[in-house]
Structures are given as structure tokens and as C-alpha cells.
């Protein structure tokens, strides 16, 4: 996070299985976005309740595991680029840049970006180990995936389109149950992501920027 085409009969067969196997839904979501092995763009809107921050932006993906997050708030624009196991965070207004891969490894252990599909699969497998997972049918032809940390570190819920398995939204919660962040996804489209968008801006000032919280 994001095409599976299945018949109506196949969907009906799986409806009863989803409640017992949330990981089937998770893997179907992964297939929706990555099975075609092609470029895509999806728009998002983030509301961070704990920090009172709102962002709008685009997530742009290019196989095998290259992506760009371009986000704007009322006070800040930020661009996050990850390409071939390396990347950077760039603040256009300040013309400041920092190496994302270096920061990921040395500054924080909470952000671990998969460098290939094998690592993404491994992180998905870890979901079942870290969370108590459940899946249920919800009104509006969506499936709700719920996860509660087995180490009392919080929880999440995600809404997934029942027919396409497109991810609609994700909400995260504190250990006490307070919503901390809500992300809405929309306008998924297969669209070429230009190589130029991955290039480092020339003349940018190197700095240790904080990790943006979405």
C-alpha cells in the first residue's frame, strides 16, 4: 500500500472465508496493486488527530519497488522518494534534503521500508504475528480488516472494496483506543511515473530532516 478480476461466484464463495482469514484479504489487496507489475498512482488524504495535521497528496509507484510520496498541507510540502533501496526526503520551500535510507537505518527503527517484493511479503506475514486480526463484512460492499497489537501498542482498521480489493482507508489507534490517524485513498489509476520525478534536486541543502508523520 494496492488487479484482481474474479467471477461473482468466486466472490460469493470467499465471502464466508474472509471473516476467518483476514490475511486472505490482505494478500488480495497486495495483488490488486502489485500483481500487474506496472506503474500506478493513487491519491490520499491524511488526518493526524494526535498532531492536528492534514495532508493531501499522491502515492506514485513504479516496479519493482520504487515509489514517491508527494504531500502538501497548509504549512508544508514534502516529497519522499525511494528508489532501488535508497531514497531521500525533500522540502521544496526550504530546498532541504536528507538521505531517507541512511536516516531509516541510523535514526529510527520504527520505519522499515521494504526494498523488494520478497521483503514486502515478509512484512505482510509479520502482520499475523504482531496483531490479532479479524475481517468482517460492512455496509457498502466493503470488508473491514481489524488488527489489535499483541503487545498492547495500539490497533488499526482498514476498509477494502469487496469486489476489487482496492484499499479505501486506514485508521490507526493508540493503545487506549483513541484515533491517531486516518488515511483515505482514492482515484487509483494506472499511469506512467516519470523517471525525472525520482531525480535528486540539484543544489539542495543536505540536512537531518525529521520524518514526516502521516
N, C-alpha and C. Protein backbone atom coordinates (compact mmCIF):
# COMPACT_ATOMS: atom_id res chain seq x y z
N UNK A 1 0.12 -0.42 0.00
CA UNK A 1 0.00 0.00 0.00
C UNK A 1 0.25 0.90 0.00
N UNK A 2 -1.90 -2.48 -3.65
CA UNK A 2 -2.86 -1.73 -3.78
C UNK A 2 -2.80 -1.78 -5.26
N UNK A 3 -4.56 -6.18 -10.20
CA UNK A 3 -5.99 -6.05 -10.14
C UNK A 3 -6.46 -7.45 -10.14
N UNK A 4 -7.32 -7.64 -9.19
CA UNK A 4 -7.80 -9.00 -9.24
C UNK A 4 -9.17 -8.97 -9.86
N UNK A 5 -9.35 -9.84 -10.93
CA UNK A 5 -10.68 -9.95 -11.53
C UNK A 5 -11.19 -11.34 -11.21
N UNK A 6 -12.28 -11.45 -10.50
CA UNK A 6 -12.85 -12.75 -10.16
C UNK A 6 -14.33 -12.74 -10.44
N UNK A 7 -14.87 -13.88 -10.66
CA UNK A 7 -16.29 -14.00 -11.00
C UNK A 7 -17.16 -13.80 -9.78
N UNK A 8 -18.44 -13.53 -10.01
CA UNK A 8 -19.37 -13.32 -8.90
C UNK A 8 -19.47 -14.57 -8.03
N UNK A 9 -19.41 -15.72 -8.65
CA UNK A 9 -19.50 -16.97 -7.90
C UNK A 9 -18.29 -17.15 -6.98
N UNK A 10 -17.13 -16.77 -7.47
CA UNK A 10 -15.91 -16.89 -6.68
C UNK A 10 -15.96 -15.94 -5.49
N UNK A 11 -16.50 -14.74 -5.72
CA UNK A 11 -16.66 -13.78 -4.63
C UNK A 11 -17.59 -14.33 -3.56
N UNK A 12 -18.69 -14.90 -4.00
CA UNK A 12 -19.66 -15.45 -3.05
C UNK A 12 -19.04 -16.56 -2.22
N UNK A 13 -18.23 -17.37 -2.86
CA UNK A 13 -17.56 -18.46 -2.16
C UNK A 13 -16.63 -17.94 -1.08
N UNK A 14 -15.96 -16.81 -1.38
CA UNK A 14 -14.98 -16.28 -0.44
C UNK A 14 -15.59 -15.44 0.67
N UNK A 15 -16.82 -14.99 0.50
CA UNK A 15 -17.38 -14.09 1.49
C UNK A 15 -17.38 -14.69 2.89
N UNK A 16 -17.67 -15.97 2.99
CA UNK A 16 -17.71 -16.62 4.29
C UNK A 16 -16.31 -16.89 4.84
N UNK A 17 -15.33 -16.98 3.95
CA UNK A 17 -13.97 -17.28 4.39
C UNK A 17 -13.28 -16.05 4.94
N UNK A 18 -13.66 -14.85 4.48
CA UNK A 18 -12.95 -13.64 4.87
C UNK A 18 -12.97 -13.41 6.38
N UNK A 19 -14.10 -13.67 7.01
CA UNK A 19 -14.20 -13.41 8.44
C UNK A 19 -13.20 -14.24 9.22
N UNK A 20 -12.88 -15.42 8.72
CA UNK A 20 -11.96 -16.31 9.42
C UNK A 20 -10.52 -16.11 8.99
N UNK A 21 -10.30 -15.44 7.87
CA UNK A 21 -8.94 -15.34 7.35
C UNK A 21 -8.68 -13.94 6.83
N UNK A 22 -8.33 -13.02 7.73
CA UNK A 22 -8.05 -11.65 7.34
C UNK A 22 -6.85 -11.56 6.42
N UNK A 23 -5.89 -12.48 6.57
CA UNK A 23 -4.69 -12.43 5.74
C UNK A 23 -5.02 -12.69 4.28
N UNK A 24 -6.10 -13.41 3.99
CA UNK A 24 -6.53 -13.60 2.60
C UNK A 24 -6.90 -12.26 1.98
N UNK A 25 -7.56 -11.42 2.77
CA UNK A 25 -7.93 -10.10 2.29
C UNK A 25 -6.68 -9.25 2.08
N UNK A 26 -5.77 -9.29 3.04
CA UNK A 26 -4.52 -8.52 2.93
C UNK A 26 -3.76 -8.90 1.67
N UNK A 27 -3.68 -10.20 1.39
CA UNK A 27 -2.94 -10.62 0.20
C UNK A 27 -3.68 -10.27 -1.08
N UNK A 28 -4.99 -10.23 -1.03
CA UNK A 28 -5.77 -9.81 -2.20
C UNK A 28 -5.57 -8.32 -2.48
N UNK A 29 -5.45 -7.54 -1.42
CA UNK A 29 -5.14 -6.12 -1.59
C UNK A 29 -3.77 -5.96 -2.24
N UNK A 30 -2.81 -6.71 -1.76
CA UNK A 30 -1.47 -6.66 -2.36
C UNK A 30 -1.52 -7.00 -3.84
N UNK A 31 -2.29 -8.02 -4.20
CA UNK A 31 -2.40 -8.43 -5.60
C UNK A 31 -3.05 -7.34 -6.45
N UNK A 32 -4.05 -6.65 -5.88
CA UNK A 32 -4.71 -5.59 -6.62
C UNK A 32 -3.71 -4.54 -7.09
N UNK A 33 -2.80 -4.17 -6.20
CA UNK A 33 -1.85 -3.10 -6.54
C UNK A 33 -0.61 -3.59 -7.28
N UNK A 34 -0.14 -4.78 -6.97
CA UNK A 34 1.19 -5.15 -7.45
C UNK A 34 1.23 -6.32 -8.43
N UNK A 35 0.14 -7.08 -8.58
CA UNK A 35 0.19 -8.26 -9.44
C UNK A 35 0.47 -7.90 -10.89
N UNK A 36 -0.05 -6.77 -11.35
CA UNK A 36 0.14 -6.36 -12.75
C UNK A 36 1.56 -5.90 -13.02
N UNK A 37 2.33 -5.64 -11.96
CA UNK A 37 3.72 -5.22 -12.10
C UNK A 37 3.85 -4.00 -13.02
N UNK A 38 3.01 -3.01 -12.78
CA UNK A 38 3.01 -1.81 -13.63
C UNK A 38 2.92 -0.55 -12.77
N UNK A 39 3.25 0.58 -13.37
CA UNK A 39 3.17 1.86 -12.68
C UNK A 39 1.74 2.17 -12.27
N UNK A 40 1.58 2.83 -11.13
CA UNK A 40 0.25 3.33 -10.78
C UNK A 40 0.40 4.53 -9.86
N UNK A 41 -0.68 5.29 -9.75
CA UNK A 41 -0.76 6.45 -8.86
C UNK A 41 -2.06 6.36 -8.09
N UNK A 42 -2.01 6.67 -6.81
CA UNK A 42 -3.23 6.73 -6.01
C UNK A 42 -3.16 7.99 -5.13
N UNK A 43 -4.26 8.71 -5.07
CA UNK A 43 -4.32 9.91 -4.25
C UNK A 43 -4.71 9.55 -2.81
N UNK A 44 -4.32 10.40 -1.87
CA UNK A 44 -4.65 10.14 -0.48
C UNK A 44 -4.89 11.43 0.28
N UNK A 45 -5.60 11.30 1.38
CA UNK A 45 -5.81 12.41 2.31
C UNK A 45 -5.55 11.89 3.72
N UNK A 46 -4.71 12.58 4.46
CA UNK A 46 -4.32 12.15 5.79
C UNK A 46 -4.78 13.16 6.83
N UNK A 47 -5.40 12.67 7.88
CA UNK A 47 -5.72 13.50 9.04
C UNK A 47 -5.04 12.88 10.26
N UNK A 48 -4.08 13.59 10.81
CA UNK A 48 -3.38 13.14 12.01
C UNK A 48 -4.04 13.78 13.22
N UNK A 49 -4.86 13.00 13.93
CA UNK A 49 -5.64 13.55 15.03
C UNK A 49 -4.77 13.95 16.21
N UNK A 50 -3.70 13.21 16.48
CA UNK A 50 -2.87 13.49 17.63
C UNK A 50 -2.04 14.75 17.44
N UNK A 51 -1.67 15.06 16.19
CA UNK A 51 -0.84 16.21 15.91
C UNK A 51 -1.59 17.33 15.21
N UNK A 52 -2.87 17.12 14.94
CA UNK A 52 -3.71 18.12 14.30
C UNK A 52 -3.10 18.58 12.97
N UNK A 53 -2.73 17.61 12.14
CA UNK A 53 -2.13 17.88 10.84
C UNK A 53 -2.96 17.19 9.76
N UNK A 54 -3.16 17.87 8.64
CA UNK A 54 -3.87 17.29 7.50
C UNK A 54 -3.02 17.43 6.25
N UNK A 55 -2.92 16.35 5.48
CA UNK A 55 -2.14 16.33 4.25
C UNK A 55 -3.00 15.79 3.11
N UNK A 56 -2.77 16.31 1.91
CA UNK A 56 -3.29 15.74 0.67
C UNK A 56 -2.09 15.40 -0.21
N UNK A 57 -2.20 14.33 -0.98
CA UNK A 57 -1.07 14.02 -1.84
C UNK A 57 -1.31 12.85 -2.75
N UNK A 58 -0.22 12.41 -3.37
CA UNK A 58 -0.24 11.28 -4.29
C UNK A 58 0.86 10.30 -3.91
N UNK A 59 0.51 9.01 -4.00
CA UNK A 59 1.49 7.94 -3.90
C UNK A 59 1.71 7.40 -5.30
N UNK A 60 2.97 7.45 -5.77
CA UNK A 60 3.30 7.01 -7.13
C UNK A 60 4.25 5.83 -7.06
N UNK A 61 3.88 4.75 -7.74
CA UNK A 61 4.66 3.51 -7.67
C UNK A 61 5.16 3.09 -9.04
N UNK A 62 6.41 2.61 -9.05
CA UNK A 62 6.99 2.03 -10.26
C UNK A 62 7.74 0.76 -9.90
N UNK A 63 7.44 -0.36 -10.58
CA UNK A 63 8.09 -1.62 -10.25
C UNK A 63 9.61 -1.53 -10.42
N UNK A 64 10.38 -2.37 -9.65
CA UNK A 64 9.84 -3.39 -8.76
C UNK A 64 9.46 -2.87 -7.37
N UNK A 65 10.17 -1.89 -6.83
CA UNK A 65 9.82 -1.34 -5.53
C UNK A 65 10.34 0.09 -5.41
N UNK A 66 9.86 0.94 -6.31
CA UNK A 66 10.24 2.35 -6.30
C UNK A 66 8.97 3.17 -6.12
N UNK A 67 9.03 4.20 -5.26
CA UNK A 67 7.83 4.98 -5.05
C UNK A 67 8.15 6.42 -4.67
N UNK A 68 7.15 7.27 -4.84
CA UNK A 68 7.22 8.67 -4.46
C UNK A 68 5.97 9.02 -3.67
N UNK A 69 6.14 9.72 -2.57
CA UNK A 69 5.02 10.30 -1.83
C UNK A 69 5.17 11.81 -1.93
N UNK A 70 4.21 12.44 -2.55
CA UNK A 70 4.22 13.90 -2.71
C UNK A 70 3.03 14.45 -1.95
N UNK A 71 3.28 15.14 -0.83
CA UNK A 71 2.20 15.56 0.07
C UNK A 71 2.29 17.05 0.38
N UNK A 72 1.10 17.65 0.55
CA UNK A 72 1.01 19.08 0.83
C UNK A 72 0.01 19.32 1.95
N UNK A 73 0.39 20.18 2.90
CA UNK A 73 -0.53 20.65 3.93
C UNK A 73 -0.60 22.16 3.83
N UNK A 74 -1.35 22.78 4.73
CA UNK A 74 -1.44 24.24 4.69
C UNK A 74 -0.11 24.90 5.03
N UNK A 75 0.76 24.17 5.71
CA UNK A 75 2.03 24.76 6.15
C UNK A 75 3.27 24.14 5.52
N UNK A 76 3.12 23.01 4.83
CA UNK A 76 4.30 22.28 4.41
C UNK A 76 4.06 21.46 3.15
N UNK A 77 5.07 21.41 2.30
CA UNK A 77 5.09 20.47 1.19
C UNK A 77 6.30 19.56 1.38
N UNK A 78 6.09 18.27 1.22
CA UNK A 78 7.18 17.33 1.38
C UNK A 78 7.13 16.27 0.27
N UNK A 79 8.30 15.87 -0.18
CA UNK A 79 8.42 14.83 -1.21
C UNK A 79 9.34 13.75 -0.68
N UNK A 80 8.83 12.52 -0.66
CA UNK A 80 9.62 11.38 -0.22
C UNK A 80 9.84 10.47 -1.42
N UNK A 81 11.08 10.15 -1.71
CA UNK A 81 11.43 9.33 -2.86
C UNK A 81 12.22 8.12 -2.40
N UNK A 82 11.84 6.95 -2.90
CA UNK A 82 12.56 5.72 -2.57
C UNK A 82 12.78 4.95 -3.86
N UNK A 83 14.04 4.73 -4.22
CA UNK A 83 14.37 4.08 -5.48
C UNK A 83 15.58 3.17 -5.29
N UNK A 84 15.40 1.91 -5.67
CA UNK A 84 16.48 0.93 -5.64
C UNK A 84 17.19 0.91 -4.29
N UNK A 85 16.38 0.78 -3.22
CA UNK A 85 16.87 0.62 -1.85
C UNK A 85 17.55 1.87 -1.30
N UNK A 86 17.33 3.01 -1.91
CA UNK A 86 17.85 4.27 -1.42
C UNK A 86 16.78 5.33 -1.62
N UNK A 87 16.92 6.46 -0.96
CA UNK A 87 15.90 7.48 -1.13
C UNK A 87 16.24 8.76 -0.42
N UNK A 88 15.29 9.69 -0.45
CA UNK A 88 15.51 10.97 0.21
C UNK A 88 14.18 11.62 0.54
N UNK A 89 14.23 12.55 1.51
CA UNK A 89 13.11 13.42 1.83
C UNK A 89 13.49 14.84 1.41
N UNK A 90 12.58 15.52 0.74
CA UNK A 90 12.89 16.84 0.22
C UNK A 90 11.79 17.83 0.60
N UNK A 91 12.20 18.97 1.12
CA UNK A 91 11.29 20.07 1.41
C UNK A 91 11.54 21.17 0.38
N UNK A 92 10.68 21.29 -0.64
CA UNK A 92 10.91 22.24 -1.72
C UNK A 92 11.03 23.69 -1.26
N UNK A 93 10.19 24.12 -0.32
CA UNK A 93 10.19 25.52 0.10
C UNK A 93 11.52 25.92 0.72
N UNK A 94 12.14 25.00 1.45
CA UNK A 94 13.43 25.28 2.10
C UNK A 94 14.61 24.78 1.27
N UNK A 95 14.31 24.04 0.20
CA UNK A 95 15.34 23.42 -0.64
C UNK A 95 16.29 22.57 0.21
N UNK A 96 15.71 21.80 1.14
CA UNK A 96 16.49 20.94 2.03
C UNK A 96 16.21 19.47 1.73
N UNK A 97 17.25 18.65 1.87
CA UNK A 97 17.14 17.23 1.54
C UNK A 97 17.90 16.41 2.56
N UNK A 98 17.43 15.20 2.84
CA UNK A 98 18.17 14.27 3.67
C UNK A 98 18.02 12.87 3.10
N UNK A 99 19.01 12.03 3.35
CA UNK A 99 19.01 10.68 2.81
C UNK A 99 18.07 9.80 3.61
N UNK A 100 17.01 9.33 2.99
CA UNK A 100 15.99 8.54 3.68
C UNK A 100 16.53 7.20 4.14
N UNK A 101 17.31 6.54 3.28
CA UNK A 101 17.82 5.23 3.66
C UNK A 101 18.75 5.32 4.86
N UNK A 102 19.63 6.29 4.86
CA UNK A 102 20.54 6.47 5.99
C UNK A 102 19.77 6.78 7.26
N UNK A 103 18.79 7.65 7.16
CA UNK A 103 18.00 8.01 8.34
C UNK A 103 17.20 6.82 8.83
N UNK A 104 16.66 6.05 7.89
CA UNK A 104 15.88 4.88 8.26
C UNK A 104 16.72 3.92 9.09
N UNK A 105 17.95 3.72 8.70
CA UNK A 105 18.80 2.75 9.37
C UNK A 105 19.42 3.27 10.66
N UNK A 106 19.75 4.56 10.71
CA UNK A 106 20.50 5.09 11.83
C UNK A 106 19.67 5.90 12.83
N UNK A 107 18.59 6.55 12.35
CA UNK A 107 17.84 7.46 13.20
C UNK A 107 16.61 6.82 13.84
N UNK A 108 16.02 5.87 13.17
CA UNK A 108 14.78 5.31 13.69
C UNK A 108 14.66 3.83 13.34
N UNK A 109 14.03 3.10 14.23
CA UNK A 109 13.76 1.69 13.98
C UNK A 109 12.29 1.45 13.68
N UNK A 110 11.50 2.53 13.72
CA UNK A 110 10.07 2.39 13.52
C UNK A 110 9.69 2.40 12.05
N UNK A 111 10.58 2.88 11.19
CA UNK A 111 10.31 2.92 9.77
C UNK A 111 11.25 1.96 9.06
N UNK A 112 10.71 0.91 8.49
CA UNK A 112 11.49 -0.07 7.77
C UNK A 112 10.84 -0.29 6.41
N UNK A 113 11.42 0.31 5.39
CA UNK A 113 10.83 0.27 4.06
C UNK A 113 11.28 -0.98 3.32
N UNK A 114 10.34 -1.80 2.84
CA UNK A 114 10.75 -2.98 2.07
C UNK A 114 11.48 -2.58 0.80
N UNK A 115 12.58 -3.28 0.51
CA UNK A 115 13.40 -2.94 -0.65
C UNK A 115 13.04 -3.75 -1.88
N UNK A 116 12.21 -4.78 -1.71
CA UNK A 116 11.79 -5.61 -2.83
C UNK A 116 10.51 -6.33 -2.44
N UNK A 117 9.93 -7.08 -3.38
CA UNK A 117 8.67 -7.76 -3.12
C UNK A 117 8.82 -8.85 -2.06
N UNK A 118 9.98 -9.48 -2.01
CA UNK A 118 10.20 -10.52 -1.01
C UNK A 118 10.12 -9.92 0.40
N UNK A 119 10.69 -8.74 0.59
CA UNK A 119 10.63 -8.08 1.89
C UNK A 119 9.21 -7.61 2.20
N UNK A 120 8.47 -7.18 1.18
CA UNK A 120 7.08 -6.80 1.38
C UNK A 120 6.27 -8.01 1.84
N UNK A 121 6.48 -9.16 1.21
CA UNK A 121 5.80 -10.39 1.61
C UNK A 121 6.12 -10.73 3.06
N UNK A 122 7.38 -10.54 3.44
CA UNK A 122 7.80 -10.85 4.81
C UNK A 122 7.09 -9.94 5.81
N UNK A 123 6.95 -8.65 5.46
CA UNK A 123 6.27 -7.71 6.35
C UNK A 123 4.78 -8.06 6.47
N UNK A 124 4.18 -8.51 5.38
CA UNK A 124 2.77 -8.93 5.43
C UNK A 124 2.61 -10.16 6.32
N UNK A 125 3.54 -11.10 6.20
CA UNK A 125 3.48 -12.29 7.06
C UNK A 125 3.59 -11.90 8.53
N UNK A 126 4.36 -10.85 8.82
CA UNK A 126 4.56 -10.42 10.20
C UNK A 126 3.30 -9.85 10.82
N UNK A 127 2.36 -9.39 9.98
CA UNK A 127 1.10 -8.84 10.49
C UNK A 127 0.40 -9.83 11.41
N UNK A 128 0.33 -11.09 10.95
CA UNK A 128 -0.37 -12.11 11.74
C UNK A 128 0.36 -12.41 13.04
N UNK A 129 1.68 -12.20 13.06
CA UNK A 129 2.45 -12.44 14.27
C UNK A 129 2.31 -11.29 15.27
N UNK A 130 2.15 -10.07 14.76
CA UNK A 130 2.13 -8.89 15.61
C UNK A 130 0.73 -8.46 16.03
N UNK A 131 -0.29 -8.86 15.24
CA UNK A 131 -1.64 -8.37 15.50
C UNK A 131 -2.65 -9.51 15.59
N UNK A 132 -3.66 -9.30 16.42
CA UNK A 132 -4.83 -10.16 16.39
C UNK A 132 -5.73 -9.63 15.28
N UNK A 133 -5.88 -10.40 14.21
CA UNK A 133 -6.56 -9.93 13.01
C UNK A 133 -7.96 -10.49 12.88
N UNK A 134 -8.83 -9.67 12.29
CA UNK A 134 -10.19 -10.10 12.04
C UNK A 134 -10.67 -9.40 10.78
N UNK A 135 -11.58 -10.03 10.05
CA UNK A 135 -12.17 -9.43 8.85
C UNK A 135 -13.67 -9.63 8.90
N UNK A 136 -14.41 -8.59 8.54
CA UNK A 136 -15.87 -8.67 8.59
C UNK A 136 -16.49 -7.87 7.47
N UNK A 137 -17.68 -8.30 7.04
CA UNK A 137 -18.43 -7.55 6.02
C UNK A 137 -19.02 -6.30 6.64
N UNK A 138 -18.96 -5.21 5.89
CA UNK A 138 -19.51 -3.94 6.34
C UNK A 138 -20.49 -3.41 5.30
N UNK A 139 -21.40 -2.51 5.70
CA UNK A 139 -22.32 -1.91 4.70
C UNK A 139 -21.55 -1.19 3.60
N UNK A 140 -22.12 -1.22 2.40
CA UNK A 140 -21.48 -0.53 1.28
C UNK A 140 -20.51 -1.39 0.50
N UNK A 141 -20.66 -2.70 0.58
CA UNK A 141 -19.81 -3.62 -0.18
C UNK A 141 -18.33 -3.46 0.13
N UNK A 142 -18.01 -3.32 1.40
CA UNK A 142 -16.62 -3.25 1.82
C UNK A 142 -16.34 -4.30 2.89
N UNK A 143 -15.10 -4.66 3.03
CA UNK A 143 -14.63 -5.56 4.07
C UNK A 143 -13.79 -4.73 5.04
N UNK A 144 -14.01 -4.95 6.31
CA UNK A 144 -13.22 -4.27 7.33
C UNK A 144 -12.19 -5.23 7.91
N UNK A 145 -10.92 -4.84 7.82
CA UNK A 145 -9.85 -5.60 8.46
C UNK A 145 -9.48 -4.88 9.75
N UNK A 146 -9.52 -5.59 10.86
CA UNK A 146 -9.17 -5.00 12.14
C UNK A 146 -7.95 -5.72 12.70
N UNK A 147 -7.06 -4.94 13.30
CA UNK A 147 -5.87 -5.52 13.91
C UNK A 147 -5.58 -4.89 15.25
N UNK A 148 -5.40 -5.72 16.28
CA UNK A 148 -5.05 -5.23 17.61
C UNK A 148 -3.68 -5.78 18.00
N UNK A 149 -2.79 -4.88 18.37
CA UNK A 149 -1.43 -5.28 18.71
C UNK A 149 -1.41 -6.30 19.84
N UNK A 150 -0.62 -7.36 19.64
CA UNK A 150 -0.49 -8.37 20.67
C UNK A 150 0.40 -7.89 21.82
N UNK A 151 1.08 -6.76 21.58
CA UNK A 151 1.95 -6.19 22.61
C UNK A 151 1.38 -4.89 23.16
N UNK A 152 0.07 -4.71 22.99
CA UNK A 152 -0.64 -3.53 23.52
C UNK A 152 -0.05 -2.22 23.03
N UNK A 153 0.34 -2.19 21.75
CA UNK A 153 0.92 -0.98 21.18
C UNK A 153 -0.07 -0.20 20.32
N UNK A 154 -1.33 -0.61 20.33
CA UNK A 154 -2.33 0.10 19.53
C UNK A 154 -3.07 -0.83 18.61
N UNK A 155 -3.77 -0.24 17.65
CA UNK A 155 -4.60 -1.03 16.74
C UNK A 155 -4.78 -0.28 15.42
N UNK A 156 -5.37 -0.98 14.46
CA UNK A 156 -5.68 -0.35 13.18
C UNK A 156 -6.94 -0.98 12.61
N UNK A 157 -7.56 -0.28 11.68
CA UNK A 157 -8.65 -0.85 10.90
C UNK A 157 -8.51 -0.35 9.47
N UNK A 158 -8.89 -1.17 8.53
CA UNK A 158 -8.80 -0.82 7.11
C UNK A 158 -10.08 -1.25 6.41
N UNK A 159 -10.54 -0.42 5.48
CA UNK A 159 -11.70 -0.75 4.66
C UNK A 159 -11.23 -1.08 3.25
N UNK A 160 -11.73 -2.20 2.73
CA UNK A 160 -11.31 -2.72 1.44
C UNK A 160 -12.54 -2.98 0.58
N UNK A 161 -12.50 -2.56 -0.68
CA UNK A 161 -13.60 -2.85 -1.59
C UNK A 161 -13.75 -4.35 -1.77
N UNK A 162 -14.96 -4.87 -1.57
CA UNK A 162 -15.18 -6.31 -1.57
C UNK A 162 -14.95 -6.95 -2.94
N UNK A 163 -15.23 -6.21 -4.01
CA UNK A 163 -15.12 -6.79 -5.35
C UNK A 163 -13.72 -6.65 -5.94
N UNK A 164 -13.12 -5.49 -5.79
CA UNK A 164 -11.81 -5.25 -6.42
C UNK A 164 -10.64 -5.45 -5.48
N UNK A 165 -10.89 -5.36 -4.17
CA UNK A 165 -9.86 -5.38 -3.13
C UNK A 165 -8.98 -4.13 -3.13
N UNK A 166 -9.54 -3.05 -3.69
CA UNK A 166 -8.84 -1.77 -3.60
C UNK A 166 -8.96 -1.26 -2.16
N UNK A 167 -7.86 -0.75 -1.63
CA UNK A 167 -7.85 -0.20 -0.28
C UNK A 167 -8.54 1.16 -0.27
N UNK A 168 -9.51 1.33 0.62
CA UNK A 168 -10.27 2.57 0.71
C UNK A 168 -9.77 3.50 1.81
N UNK A 169 -9.44 2.93 2.96
CA UNK A 169 -8.98 3.77 4.07
C UNK A 169 -8.26 2.93 5.11
N UNK A 170 -7.45 3.63 5.92
CA UNK A 170 -6.79 3.02 7.08
C UNK A 170 -6.91 3.98 8.25
N UNK A 171 -7.27 3.46 9.41
CA UNK A 171 -7.27 4.25 10.64
C UNK A 171 -6.37 3.57 11.66
N UNK A 172 -5.58 4.36 12.39
CA UNK A 172 -4.73 3.80 13.44
C UNK A 172 -5.18 4.36 14.78
N UNK A 173 -4.96 3.57 15.84
CA UNK A 173 -5.44 3.93 17.17
C UNK A 173 -4.34 3.72 18.20
N UNK A 174 -4.38 4.51 19.25
CA UNK A 174 -3.44 4.34 20.35
C UNK A 174 -3.82 3.11 21.17
N UNK A 175 -2.96 2.76 22.11
CA UNK A 175 -3.23 1.61 22.98
C UNK A 175 -4.49 1.83 23.81
N UNK A 176 -4.85 3.10 24.03
CA UNK A 176 -6.05 3.42 24.80
C UNK A 176 -7.30 3.54 23.93
N UNK A 177 -7.14 3.36 22.61
CA UNK A 177 -8.29 3.35 21.72
C UNK A 177 -8.59 4.67 21.04
N UNK A 178 -7.79 5.70 21.27
CA UNK A 178 -8.02 6.98 20.62
C UNK A 178 -7.50 6.94 19.18
N UNK A 179 -8.31 7.46 18.26
CA UNK A 179 -7.86 7.50 16.87
C UNK A 179 -6.72 8.50 16.73
N UNK A 180 -5.62 8.05 16.13
CA UNK A 180 -4.47 8.94 15.97
C UNK A 180 -4.27 9.39 14.52
N UNK A 181 -4.71 8.57 13.58
CA UNK A 181 -4.52 8.95 12.18
C UNK A 181 -5.54 8.25 11.30
N UNK A 182 -6.04 8.98 10.28
CA UNK A 182 -6.98 8.41 9.32
C UNK A 182 -6.49 8.76 7.92
N UNK A 183 -6.35 7.74 7.08
CA UNK A 183 -5.88 7.93 5.70
C UNK A 183 -6.95 7.43 4.74
N UNK A 184 -7.39 8.29 3.84
CA UNK A 184 -8.36 7.92 2.81
C UNK A 184 -7.64 7.82 1.47
N UNK A 185 -7.89 6.73 0.74
CA UNK A 185 -7.29 6.53 -0.58
C UNK A 185 -8.36 6.65 -1.65
N UNK A 186 -8.02 7.29 -2.77
CA UNK A 186 -8.99 7.47 -3.85
C UNK A 186 -8.27 7.70 -5.18
N UNK A 187 -9.05 7.61 -6.25
CA UNK A 187 -8.56 7.93 -7.60
C UNK A 187 -7.35 7.09 -7.98
N UNK A 188 -7.45 5.76 -7.75
CA UNK A 188 -6.39 4.86 -8.23
C UNK A 188 -6.40 4.84 -9.75
N UNK A 189 -5.22 4.95 -10.35
CA UNK A 189 -5.14 4.88 -11.82
C UNK A 189 -3.77 4.34 -12.24
N UNK A 190 -3.81 3.55 -13.32
CA UNK A 190 -2.56 3.08 -13.91
C UNK A 190 -2.02 4.19 -14.79
N UNK A 191 -0.90 4.71 -14.40
CA UNK A 191 -0.35 5.87 -15.08
C UNK A 191 1.18 5.83 -14.99
N UNK A 192 1.85 6.15 -16.06
CA UNK A 192 3.31 6.12 -16.08
C UNK A 192 3.89 7.13 -15.10
N UNK A 193 4.84 6.69 -14.31
CA UNK A 193 5.54 7.56 -13.37
C UNK A 193 6.89 7.94 -13.97
N UNK A 194 7.07 9.19 -14.26
CA UNK A 194 8.26 9.67 -14.97
C UNK A 194 9.54 9.45 -14.17
N UNK A 195 10.58 9.05 -14.87
CA UNK A 195 11.90 8.87 -14.25
C UNK A 195 12.40 10.18 -13.64
N UNK A 196 12.03 11.30 -14.25
CA UNK A 196 12.50 12.60 -13.77
C UNK A 196 12.04 12.88 -12.34
N UNK A 197 10.91 12.31 -11.95
CA UNK A 197 10.38 12.55 -10.61
C UNK A 197 11.24 11.92 -9.52
N UNK A 198 12.06 10.93 -9.88
CA UNK A 198 12.91 10.24 -8.91
C UNK A 198 14.27 10.92 -8.74
N UNK A 199 14.58 11.89 -9.57
CA UNK A 199 15.89 12.53 -9.53
C UNK A 199 16.03 13.45 -8.33
N UNK A 200 17.23 13.47 -7.76
CA UNK A 200 17.51 14.37 -6.65
C UNK A 200 17.56 15.81 -7.14
N UNK A 201 16.95 16.73 -6.42
CA UNK A 201 17.02 18.13 -6.83
C UNK A 201 18.44 18.67 -6.73
N UNK A 202 18.88 19.37 -7.74
CA UNK A 202 20.23 19.92 -7.73
C UNK A 202 20.31 21.14 -6.82
N UNK A 203 21.43 21.25 -6.13
CA UNK A 203 21.65 22.40 -5.27
C UNK A 203 20.92 22.37 -3.95
N UNK A 204 20.29 21.27 -3.60
CA UNK A 204 19.56 21.18 -2.33
C UNK A 204 20.54 21.11 -1.16
N UNK A 205 20.14 21.65 -0.04
CA UNK A 205 20.97 21.68 1.16
C UNK A 205 20.79 20.38 1.94
N UNK A 206 21.89 19.66 2.21
CA UNK A 206 21.84 18.43 2.98
C UNK A 206 21.53 18.74 4.44
N UNK A 207 20.58 18.03 5.03
CA UNK A 207 20.22 18.25 6.42
C UNK A 207 19.59 17.00 6.99
N UNK A 208 19.58 16.90 8.33
CA UNK A 208 18.90 15.79 9.00
C UNK A 208 17.47 16.20 9.30
N UNK A 209 16.61 16.00 8.32
CA UNK A 209 15.21 16.39 8.48
C UNK A 209 14.45 15.38 9.32
N UNK A 210 13.47 15.82 10.09
CA UNK A 210 12.63 14.87 10.83
C UNK A 210 11.74 14.10 9.86
N UNK A 211 11.38 12.88 10.26
CA UNK A 211 10.50 12.06 9.45
C UNK A 211 9.10 12.64 9.51
N UNK A 212 8.48 12.97 8.38
CA UNK A 212 7.10 13.49 8.41
C UNK A 212 6.15 12.44 8.98
N UNK A 213 5.19 12.88 9.77
CA UNK A 213 4.21 11.95 10.34
C UNK A 213 2.93 12.07 9.53
N UNK A 214 2.52 10.99 8.87
CA UNK A 214 1.30 11.00 8.07
C UNK A 214 0.21 10.24 8.82
